[in-house]
């Protein structure tokens, strides 16, 4: 089992501001927000990144995208729009080696990538 910060949050070893949760994923507020609203959707199964995902993870990956929709509706982002980002590897900006999706919103983001 991995011991990264997200695994510790999932296992209640570190506290987080949890927005929503199911048996498969957890959505938390980012502690270093890059937009007025910055939520992370994290699978409870440890997957190092998108490149570490397997064919058997396909259903879970789909659930993560649906989680984005659920969270966006819950925090009322759906009407004005939002950005979804997955960083992969150090050159892609991935800081924690645990797959996670960023939901960014709360202001016009324009074409510039902010994460």
Protein backbone atom coordinates (compact mmCIF):
# COMPACT_ATOMS: atom_id res chain seq x y z
CA UNK A 1 0.00 0.00 0.00
CA UNK A 2 1.28 3.47 -0.89
CA UNK A 3 1.96 6.04 1.80
CA UNK A 4 1.49 9.33 -0.07
CA UNK A 5 -0.44 12.27 1.36
CA UNK A 6 -3.66 11.29 -0.46
CA UNK A 7 -3.51 7.73 0.89
CA UNK A 8 -3.07 9.22 4.36
CA UNK A 9 -6.11 11.46 3.84
CA UNK A 10 -8.17 8.52 2.57
CA UNK A 11 -7.10 6.47 5.62
CA UNK A 12 -7.98 9.34 8.03
CA UNK A 13 -4.35 9.83 9.04
CA UNK A 14 -4.42 13.44 7.82
CA UNK A 15 -7.45 15.73 8.02
CA UNK A 16 -8.86 17.34 4.90
CA UNK A 17 -11.84 19.48 3.95
CA UNK A 18 -13.95 16.74 2.33
CA UNK A 19 -16.55 18.00 -0.15
CA UNK A 20 -17.99 14.62 -1.23
CA UNK A 21 -17.11 10.95 -0.94
CA UNK A 22 -18.14 7.50 -2.15
CA UNK A 23 -16.64 4.05 -1.73
CA UNK A 24 -14.48 4.74 -4.83
CA UNK A 25 -13.36 8.37 -4.54
CA UNK A 26 -13.04 11.41 -2.33
CA UNK A 27 -13.22 15.11 -3.25
CA UNK A 28 -11.30 17.59 -1.08
CA UNK A 29 -10.38 21.26 -1.19
CA UNK A 30 -6.82 21.86 -2.40
CA UNK A 31 -4.66 23.40 0.34
CA UNK A 32 -2.75 25.43 -2.29
CA UNK A 33 -5.61 26.66 -4.52
CA UNK A 34 -4.79 27.91 -8.01
CA UNK A 35 -8.28 29.39 -8.51
CA UNK A 36 -11.01 30.69 -6.18
CA UNK A 37 -12.46 27.16 -6.24
CA UNK A 38 -9.94 24.31 -6.43
CA UNK A 39 -11.16 20.81 -5.59
CA UNK A 40 -9.23 17.55 -5.98
CA UNK A 41 -11.00 14.29 -6.88
CA UNK A 42 -8.92 11.37 -5.65
CA UNK A 43 -9.50 7.66 -6.26
CA UNK A 44 -9.40 5.62 -3.06
CA UNK A 45 -7.49 2.94 -4.95
CA UNK A 46 -3.87 4.02 -5.23
CA UNK A 47 -2.95 4.65 -8.86
CA UNK A 48 0.32 6.53 -9.29
CA UNK A 49 -0.88 8.56 -12.27
CA UNK A 50 -2.76 8.21 -15.53
CA UNK A 51 0.23 6.34 -17.01
CA UNK A 52 0.07 3.83 -14.14
CA UNK A 53 -3.59 3.04 -14.73
CA UNK A 54 -4.50 -0.38 -16.08
CA UNK A 55 -7.30 -1.62 -18.31
CA UNK A 56 -8.95 -2.94 -15.14
CA UNK A 57 -9.10 0.66 -13.85
CA UNK A 58 -11.32 1.80 -16.75
CA UNK A 59 -14.54 1.72 -14.71
CA UNK A 60 -12.91 3.65 -11.85
CA UNK A 61 -11.54 6.26 -14.27
CA UNK A 62 -15.06 6.77 -15.59
CA UNK A 63 -16.36 7.14 -12.04
CA UNK A 64 -13.76 9.86 -11.44
CA UNK A 65 -15.10 11.87 -14.37
CA UNK A 66 -18.63 11.43 -13.09
CA UNK A 67 -17.38 12.53 -9.66
CA UNK A 68 -16.27 15.81 -11.25
CA UNK A 69 -19.83 16.36 -12.47
CA UNK A 70 -21.29 15.48 -9.05
CA UNK A 71 -18.92 17.81 -7.21
CA UNK A 72 -19.42 20.65 -9.71
CA UNK A 73 -23.19 20.40 -9.21
CA UNK A 74 -22.82 20.24 -5.44
CA UNK A 75 -20.69 23.39 -5.23
CA UNK A 76 -22.75 25.14 -7.94
CA UNK A 77 -20.00 25.42 -10.55
CA UNK A 78 -21.95 23.82 -13.39
CA UNK A 79 -23.70 27.01 -14.56
CA UNK A 80 -20.60 29.17 -15.06
CA UNK A 81 -18.22 26.39 -16.07
CA UNK A 82 -14.99 24.99 -14.74
CA UNK A 83 -11.74 23.38 -15.84
CA UNK A 84 -10.69 19.77 -15.17
CA UNK A 85 -6.96 18.97 -15.17
CA UNK A 86 -4.96 15.78 -14.70
CA UNK A 87 -1.22 16.35 -14.29
CA UNK A 88 1.05 13.43 -15.28
CA UNK A 89 4.67 13.18 -14.19
CA UNK A 90 7.03 15.90 -13.06
CA UNK A 91 7.13 17.67 -16.44
CA UNK A 92 3.32 17.65 -16.41
CA UNK A 93 3.21 19.29 -12.99
CA UNK A 94 2.26 16.22 -10.94
CA UNK A 95 3.41 16.81 -7.36
CA UNK A 96 1.81 13.82 -5.57
CA UNK A 97 2.28 10.37 -7.13
CA UNK A 98 -1.38 9.46 -6.72
CA UNK A 99 -3.78 10.08 -9.60
CA UNK A 100 -6.08 13.02 -8.94
CA UNK A 101 -8.26 15.39 -10.95
CA UNK A 102 -8.25 19.13 -10.33
CA UNK A 103 -11.56 21.01 -10.60
CA UNK A 104 -10.87 24.73 -11.03
CA UNK A 105 -13.44 27.49 -11.15
CA UNK A 106 -14.95 30.48 -9.50
CA UNK A 107 -13.64 32.97 -12.06
CA UNK A 108 -13.10 33.14 -15.84
CA UNK A 109 -10.00 31.03 -16.45
CA UNK A 110 -9.35 31.88 -20.06
CA UNK A 111 -7.03 29.80 -22.24
CA UNK A 112 -4.09 29.87 -19.77
CA UNK A 113 -3.39 26.64 -17.86
CA UNK A 114 -3.15 27.55 -14.17
CA UNK A 115 -2.19 24.22 -12.58
